[in-house]
């Protein structure tokens, strides 16, 4: 028992055979799971038989994962995180720069070193994500546990612990490829928490006066994910909905009116929830191809109208869109979105 109340740490790999964990294609069938760093390459469609040395290395790492990480045998350190306690091994934990630093500053008594990882200010790091990243220090088999529902928290934990670029890259790719209409609201909330880079036009705020954003743990991956969400909004989603296609999915109207464009309606629903800075950049982006300039202008007007009932309803502010004729000839966007701050009404006091 390690970190969880069951017979294992709950990561679901206790019964996996070494060849299944490290060589997913060993039986000759296709697999979508990742291979380990010592994986067996495929040549002309055939999987090469692992050598004796590869099998030996596999057996060692497999033993470290199951006997060391999952059951905590022969541990010399106790790692406390959230409500869990893991019996682990300092030599393995030292692969993480963060844990190596915590070990060097943690007291050691009675032969066991106690390590406390404070995560109160890291809401993006869940117990599941942290456990998967911890297991990766022992074995790459943890890659098999990453899926679209937990990829972001795994990425956060991997970035926090450090020293696991492969896990970061793998979790990031799953995050990027899993952005969809079904979860776009969650990703928009994530993007809104990322600080906007200053363009130098405003007075910078001293860093010590600002609390670190919840997305700070992701490092450069935060901005990459923000760009991925933007690309999904302006390129992938309009293409999926066939907004600029010859034919677009339509919904027939029972009252005999013109059929509604289901794809455009879906896009409007999504854009009605997009944070303003991202909304403005998307509408004005040359890669946002949804038809003519007039079609884009009409879409922006309809989106702003929908936003008035939700995210665009900002106290003292008003979103508008204008169509600038001749802007395309200058290389700029013909459709511009602005947000004006209404001036407060001044009351004259008679003396």
Protein backbone atom coordinates (compact mmCIF):
# COMPACT_ATOMS: atom_id res chain seq x y z
CA UNK A 1 0.00 0.00 0.00
CA UNK A 2 1.48 3.33 -1.06
CA UNK A 3 -0.38 6.62 -1.08
CA UNK A 4 -3.81 4.96 -1.31
CA UNK A 5 -6.04 2.76 0.80
CA UNK A 6 -5.97 -0.30 -1.46
CA UNK A 7 -3.49 -3.09 -2.06
CA UNK A 8 -1.66 -0.90 -4.58
CA UNK A 9 -1.42 2.84 -5.12
CA UNK A 10 -4.52 2.72 -7.30
CA UNK A 11 -2.81 3.48 -10.59
CA UNK A 12 -4.20 0.38 -12.25
CA UNK A 13 -1.01 -1.28 -13.48
CA UNK A 14 -0.42 -3.89 -10.79
CA UNK A 15 -1.46 -6.77 -13.03
CA UNK A 16 0.24 -5.60 -16.20
CA UNK A 17 2.97 -7.92 -17.44
CA UNK A 18 6.35 -6.34 -18.24
CA UNK A 19 6.00 -6.96 -21.98
CA UNK A 20 2.59 -5.23 -21.98
CA UNK A 21 3.90 -2.21 -20.11
CA UNK A 22 7.14 -1.69 -22.00
CA UNK A 23 6.59 -3.30 -25.38
CA UNK A 24 2.97 -2.64 -26.37
CA UNK A 25 3.62 -3.99 -29.86
CA UNK A 26 5.51 -7.08 -28.72
CA UNK A 27 2.68 -9.39 -29.78
CA UNK A 28 2.65 -7.89 -33.27
CA UNK A 29 -0.62 -5.95 -32.83
CA UNK A 30 -1.03 -2.22 -33.10
CA UNK A 31 -1.22 -0.16 -29.94
CA UNK A 32 -1.88 3.49 -29.29
CA UNK A 33 0.02 3.42 -26.02
CA UNK A 34 3.50 4.89 -25.69
CA UNK A 35 6.61 2.78 -25.66
CA UNK A 36 9.36 3.15 -23.10
CA UNK A 37 12.67 4.81 -23.81
CA UNK A 38 14.08 1.33 -24.34
CA UNK A 39 11.17 0.35 -26.60
CA UNK A 40 11.58 -2.05 -29.45
CA UNK A 41 11.62 -0.43 -32.91
CA UNK A 42 9.48 -1.80 -35.71
CA UNK A 43 11.02 -2.56 -39.12
CA UNK A 44 8.89 -3.06 -42.26
CA UNK A 45 5.80 -3.65 -40.15
CA UNK A 46 7.39 -6.30 -37.93
CA UNK A 47 8.33 -5.83 -34.31
CA UNK A 48 11.86 -6.87 -33.47
CA UNK A 49 12.32 -9.33 -30.64
CA UNK A 50 13.81 -7.57 -27.59
CA UNK A 51 17.37 -8.54 -26.77
CA UNK A 52 18.42 -10.20 -23.52
CA UNK A 53 19.79 -6.87 -22.26
CA UNK A 54 16.53 -5.07 -23.03
CA UNK A 55 14.52 -7.73 -21.25
CA UNK A 56 16.88 -7.53 -18.29
CA UNK A 57 16.54 -3.73 -18.10
CA UNK A 58 12.78 -4.10 -18.41
CA UNK A 59 12.65 -6.56 -15.53
CA UNK A 60 14.68 -4.22 -13.30
CA UNK A 61 12.52 -1.18 -14.03
CA UNK A 62 9.36 -3.24 -13.66
CA UNK A 63 10.56 -4.44 -10.25
CA UNK A 64 11.37 -0.87 -9.19
CA UNK A 65 7.88 0.28 -10.15
CA UNK A 66 5.91 -2.50 -8.50
CA UNK A 67 8.06 -3.27 -5.45
CA UNK A 68 9.42 0.26 -5.02
CA UNK A 69 6.66 2.66 -6.03
CA UNK A 70 3.44 0.68 -5.70
CA UNK A 71 4.21 -1.19 -2.49
CA UNK A 72 6.97 1.01 -1.00
CA UNK A 73 9.31 -1.85 -0.06
CA UNK A 74 12.68 -0.88 1.46
CA UNK A 75 11.71 2.81 1.49
CA UNK A 76 13.93 5.41 3.11
CA UNK A 77 11.68 8.43 2.62
CA UNK A 78 8.05 9.34 3.31
CA UNK A 79 6.55 11.88 0.96
CA UNK A 80 3.46 13.74 2.18
CA UNK A 81 1.21 15.37 -0.42
CA UNK A 82 -2.46 16.31 -0.09
CA UNK A 83 -3.88 13.63 2.25
CA UNK A 84 -1.56 10.88 1.00
CA UNK A 85 1.73 9.52 2.29
CA UNK A 86 4.09 7.62 -0.02
CA UNK A 87 6.91 5.36 1.14
CA UNK A 88 9.55 6.03 -1.49
CA UNK A 89 13.27 6.05 -2.19
CA UNK A 90 15.56 9.09 -2.08
CA UNK A 91 17.79 7.92 -4.94
CA UNK A 92 14.76 7.76 -7.26
CA UNK A 93 13.16 10.96 -5.97
CA UNK A 94 16.39 12.84 -6.63
CA UNK A 95 15.57 12.62 -10.35
CA UNK A 96 13.13 15.48 -9.68
CA UNK A 97 14.84 18.86 -9.08
CA UNK A 98 12.00 19.93 -6.79
CA UNK A 99 12.09 16.80 -4.66
CA UNK A 100 15.90 16.85 -4.57
CA UNK A 101 15.72 20.38 -3.16
CA UNK A 102 13.04 19.42 -0.61
CA UNK A 103 15.10 16.42 0.51
CA UNK A 104 18.17 18.57 1.02
CA UNK A 105 16.20 20.85 3.32
CA UNK A 106 14.10 18.21 5.13
CA UNK A 107 15.10 16.78 8.49
CA UNK A 108 15.91 13.08 8.67
CA UNK A 109 15.03 11.27 11.87
CA UNK A 110 14.91 7.61 12.76
CA UNK A 111 16.34 6.58 9.43
CA UNK A 112 13.30 7.92 7.49
CA UNK A 113 13.30 11.25 5.71
CA UNK A 114 9.96 13.10 5.79
CA UNK A 115 9.21 15.27 2.76
CA UNK A 116 6.23 17.61 2.56
CA UNK A 117 5.12 18.91 -0.85
CA UNK A 118 2.87 21.96 -0.38
CA UNK A 119 0.24 22.08 -3.11
CA UNK A 120 -2.28 24.44 -1.48
CA UNK A 121 -1.54 27.07 -4.13
CA UNK A 122 -1.39 24.66 -7.07
CA UNK A 123 -5.04 23.91 -7.94
CA UNK A 124 -4.05 22.45 -11.30
CA UNK A 125 -2.12 19.60 -9.60
CA UNK A 126 -4.51 16.86 -8.48
CA UNK A 127 -3.73 13.77 -6.42
CA UNK A 128 -4.12 11.61 -9.52
CA UNK A 129 -1.82 13.75 -11.64
CA UNK A 130 0.82 13.91 -8.92
CA UNK A 131 0.73 10.12 -8.41
CA UNK A 132 1.23 9.49 -12.13
CA UNK A 133 4.17 11.89 -12.24
CA UNK A 134 5.67 10.28 -9.14
CA UNK A 135 5.35 6.85 -10.74
CA UNK A 136 7.12 8.16 -13.85
CA UNK A 137 10.23 8.73 -11.74
CA UNK A 138 10.34 4.95 -11.32
CA UNK A 139 9.15 3.79 -14.74
CA UNK A 140 7.81 5.11 -18.08
CA UNK A 141 4.89 2.71 -17.64
CA UNK A 142 3.08 5.69 -16.09
CA UNK A 143 2.61 7.06 -19.61
CA UNK A 144 -0.07 4.42 -20.13
CA UNK A 145 -2.16 6.07 -17.41
CA UNK A 146 -2.43 9.46 -19.14
CA UNK A 147 -5.71 10.12 -20.97
CA UNK A 148 -7.68 13.21 -22.09
CA UNK A 149 -9.49 13.58 -18.77
CA UNK A 150 -6.31 13.79 -16.65
CA UNK A 151 -3.68 14.96 -19.15
CA UNK A 152 -3.69 18.59 -17.98
CA UNK A 153 -3.21 17.77 -14.30
CA UNK A 154 -0.48 15.27 -15.22
CA UNK A 155 1.23 18.00 -17.25
CA UNK A 156 0.98 20.37 -14.28
CA UNK A 157 2.48 17.79 -11.90
CA UNK A 158 5.26 16.90 -14.33
CA UNK A 159 6.16 20.57 -14.80
CA UNK A 160 6.15 21.08 -11.03
CA UNK A 161 8.44 18.12 -10.28
CA UNK A 162 10.71 18.75 -13.27
CA UNK A 163 13.16 16.40 -14.92
CA UNK A 164 10.51 14.56 -16.96
CA UNK A 165 10.39 16.16 -20.40
CA UNK A 166 8.99 13.04 -22.08
CA UNK A 167 5.99 12.94 -19.74
CA UNK A 168 5.41 16.69 -20.23
CA UNK A 169 5.50 16.34 -24.01
CA UNK A 170 3.23 13.30 -23.99
CA UNK A 171 0.65 14.89 -21.66
CA UNK A 172 0.76 18.15 -23.63
CA UNK A 173 0.09 16.37 -26.93
CA UNK A 174 -2.93 14.63 -25.41
CA UNK A 175 -4.20 18.00 -24.12
CA UNK A 176 -3.75 19.62 -27.50
CA UNK A 177 -5.46 16.87 -29.45
CA UNK A 178 -8.37 16.55 -27.01
CA UNK A 179 -9.69 20.12 -27.30
CA UNK A 180 -13.27 19.81 -28.52
CA UNK A 181 -16.70 21.44 -28.44
CA UNK A 182 -17.55 19.28 -25.44
CA UNK A 183 -14.72 20.62 -23.26
CA UNK A 184 -14.06 24.04 -24.83
CA UNK A 185 -15.65 25.81 -21.84
CA UNK A 186 -13.03 24.26 -19.52
CA UNK A 187 -10.23 25.31 -21.86
CA UNK A 188 -11.61 28.85 -22.15
CA UNK A 189 -11.63 29.09 -18.35
CA UNK A 190 -8.02 27.87 -18.36
CA UNK A 191 -6.98 30.41 -21.01
CA UNK A 192 -8.65 33.25 -19.12
CA UNK A 193 -6.42 32.49 -16.12
CA UNK A 194 -3.25 32.96 -18.21
CA UNK A 195 -1.85 36.50 -17.78
CA UNK A 196 -1.84 38.54 -20.98
CA UNK A 197 1.66 39.49 -22.09
CA UNK A 198 2.16 43.25 -21.89
CA UNK A 199 2.70 45.08 -25.19
CA UNK A 200 4.39 47.98 -23.41
CA UNK A 201 1.42 50.32 -23.75
CA UNK A 202 0.41 50.03 -20.11
CA UNK A 203 2.21 50.60 -16.85
CA UNK A 204 3.60 47.26 -15.63
CA UNK A 205 2.62 46.04 -12.19
CA UNK A 206 5.41 45.02 -9.86
CA UNK A 207 5.59 41.17 -9.70
CA UNK A 208 5.63 41.18 -5.90
CA UNK A 209 2.22 42.86 -5.92
CA UNK A 210 0.61 40.04 -7.89
CA UNK A 211 -0.21 36.54 -6.71
CA UNK A 212 1.12 33.84 -9.08
CA UNK A 213 -1.63 32.75 -11.47
CA UNK A 214 -2.93 29.19 -11.24
CA UNK A 215 -1.38 28.50 -14.66
CA UNK A 216 2.15 29.53 -13.64
CA UNK A 217 3.06 25.90 -12.90
CA UNK A 218 2.80 25.04 -16.62
CA UNK A 219 5.68 27.32 -17.59
CA UNK A 220 5.93 27.67 -21.40
CA UNK A 221 3.22 25.05 -21.89
CA UNK A 222 0.58 27.56 -20.72
CA UNK A 223 1.21 29.86 -23.66
CA UNK A 224 1.40 26.89 -26.03
CA UNK A 225 -1.97 25.63 -24.84
CA UNK A 226 -3.40 29.14 -25.19
CA UNK A 227 -2.23 29.19 -28.82
CA UNK A 228 -3.73 25.74 -29.35
CA UNK A 229 -7.11 26.91 -28.05
CA UNK A 230 -6.90 29.96 -30.32
CA UNK A 231 -6.06 27.79 -33.33
CA UNK A 232 -8.99 25.53 -32.48
CA UNK A 233 -11.36 28.51 -32.40
CA UNK A 234 -10.25 30.16 -35.64
CA UNK A 235 -9.23 27.19 -37.80
CA UNK A 236 -10.21 23.75 -36.53
CA UNK A 237 -13.74 24.43 -35.28
CA UNK A 238 -14.94 26.46 -38.33
CA UNK A 239 -13.53 23.73 -40.58
CA UNK A 240 -15.24 20.96 -38.58
CA UNK A 241 -18.54 22.85 -38.76
CA UNK A 242 -18.05 23.53 -42.48
CA UNK A 243 -18.72 27.24 -41.93
CA UNK A 244 -17.03 28.31 -45.17
CA UNK A 245 -17.95 25.19 -47.15
CA UNK A 246 -20.24 24.85 -50.14
CA UNK A 247 -22.84 23.21 -47.95
CA UNK A 248 -23.27 23.62 -44.23
CA UNK A 249 -25.34 21.45 -41.88
CA UNK A 250 -28.76 23.00 -41.47
CA UNK A 251 -31.61 22.54 -39.04
CA UNK A 252 -35.10 22.67 -40.63
CA UNK A 253 -37.60 25.05 -39.06
CA UNK A 254 -41.09 23.77 -38.25
CA UNK A 255 -42.66 27.21 -38.74
CA UNK A 256 -41.75 27.40 -42.44
CA UNK A 257 -39.02 30.02 -41.96
CA UNK A 258 -35.56 29.84 -43.50
CA UNK A 259 -33.54 26.88 -42.15
CA UNK A 260 -31.05 27.72 -39.42
CA UNK A 261 -27.36 27.08 -40.01
CA UNK A 262 -26.54 24.56 -37.28
CA UNK A 263 -22.80 24.94 -37.74
CA UNK A 264 -22.92 28.73 -37.46
CA UNK A 265 -25.20 28.49 -34.43
CA UNK A 266 -22.70 26.19 -32.71
CA UNK A 267 -19.85 28.56 -33.49
CA UNK A 268 -21.88 31.47 -32.10
CA UNK A 269 -22.54 29.56 -28.89
CA UNK A 270 -18.83 28.92 -28.45
CA UNK A 271 -17.77 32.50 -29.26
CA UNK A 272 -20.34 33.86 -26.83
CA UNK A 273 -18.21 32.36 -24.03
CA UNK A 274 -14.74 33.36 -25.26
CA UNK A 275 -12.81 35.92 -23.11
CA UNK A 276 -12.73 39.33 -24.78
CA UNK A 277 -9.02 39.48 -25.68
CA UNK A 278 -9.22 36.06 -27.32
CA UNK A 279 -12.56 36.94 -28.96
CA UNK A 280 -11.12 40.12 -30.48
CA UNK A 281 -7.98 38.34 -31.73
CA UNK A 282 -10.04 35.52 -33.26
CA UNK A 283 -12.52 37.78 -35.08
CA UNK A 284 -9.73 39.95 -36.48
CA UNK A 285 -7.42 37.05 -37.38
CA UNK A 286 -6.83 36.50 -41.13
CA UNK A 287 -6.97 32.75 -40.50
CA UNK A 288 -10.58 33.00 -39.30
CA UNK A 289 -12.22 32.12 -42.61
CA UNK A 290 -15.99 31.99 -42.36
CA UNK A 291 -16.90 33.54 -45.69
CA UNK A 292 -16.87 37.12 -46.95
CA UNK A 293 -15.92 40.18 -44.93
CA UNK A 294 -19.62 40.97 -44.60
CA UNK A 295 -20.26 37.44 -43.28
CA UNK A 296 -17.53 37.88 -40.68
CA UNK A 297 -18.94 41.29 -39.69
CA UNK A 298 -22.45 39.84 -39.34
CA UNK A 299 -21.09 36.93 -37.30
CA UNK A 300 -19.23 39.32 -34.98
CA UNK A 301 -22.40 41.40 -34.46
CA UNK A 302 -24.45 38.31 -33.65
CA UNK A 303 -21.74 37.01 -31.32
CA UNK A 304 -21.55 40.33 -29.43
CA UNK A 305 -25.32 40.33 -29.08
CA UNK A 306 -25.14 36.83 -27.58
CA UNK A 307 -22.26 37.87 -25.33
CA UNK A 308 -24.39 40.63 -23.78
CA UNK A 309 -26.30 37.90 -21.99
CA UNK A 310 -23.15 36.32 -20.58
CA UNK A 311 -19.41 36.94 -20.61
CA UNK A 312 -19.71 40.26 -22.47
CA UNK A 313 -21.86 41.74 -19.72
CA UNK A 314 -19.10 43.73 -18.02
CA UNK A 315 -19.97 46.53 -15.64
CA UNK A 316 -19.39 49.87 -17.37
CA UNK A 317 -18.13 48.37 -20.67
CA UNK A 318 -19.65 47.84 -24.09
CA UNK A 319 -18.39 45.61 -26.92
CA UNK A 320 -18.83 46.82 -30.49
CA UNK A 321 -17.73 45.82 -33.98
CA UNK A 322 -17.00 48.07 -36.94
CA UNK A 323 -16.41 47.38 -40.62
CA UNK A 324 -13.48 49.36 -42.02
CA UNK A 325 -13.71 49.68 -45.80
CA UNK A 326 -10.41 49.46 -47.66
CA UNK A 327 -8.55 47.91 -44.75
CA UNK A 328 -7.75 44.72 -46.68
CA UNK A 329 -5.78 46.66 -49.27
CA UNK A 330 -3.50 47.81 -46.47
CA UNK A 331 -2.97 44.29 -45.18
CA UNK A 332 -5.13 44.73 -42.09
CA UNK A 333 -8.42 43.31 -40.95
CA UNK A 334 -11.61 44.89 -42.24
CA UNK A 335 -13.51 43.86 -39.11
CA UNK A 336 -12.49 45.42 -35.81
CA UNK A 337 -13.80 44.59 -32.34
CA UNK A 338 -13.51 47.11 -29.54
CA UNK A 339 -14.61 47.39 -25.96
CA UNK A 340 -15.42 50.86 -24.75
CA UNK A 341 -15.63 51.92 -21.14
CA UNK A 342 -18.71 54.01 -20.56
CA UNK A 343 -17.99 57.31 -18.91
CA UNK A 344 -19.60 57.76 -15.55
CA UNK A 345 -22.22 60.43 -15.47
CA UNK A 346 -21.07 63.48 -13.53
CA UNK A 347 -23.51 65.27 -11.32
CA UNK A 348 -23.24 69.02 -10.93
CA UNK A 349 -23.63 70.24 -7.39
CA UNK A 350 -24.99 73.73 -7.03
CA UNK A 351 -23.35 75.75 -4.32
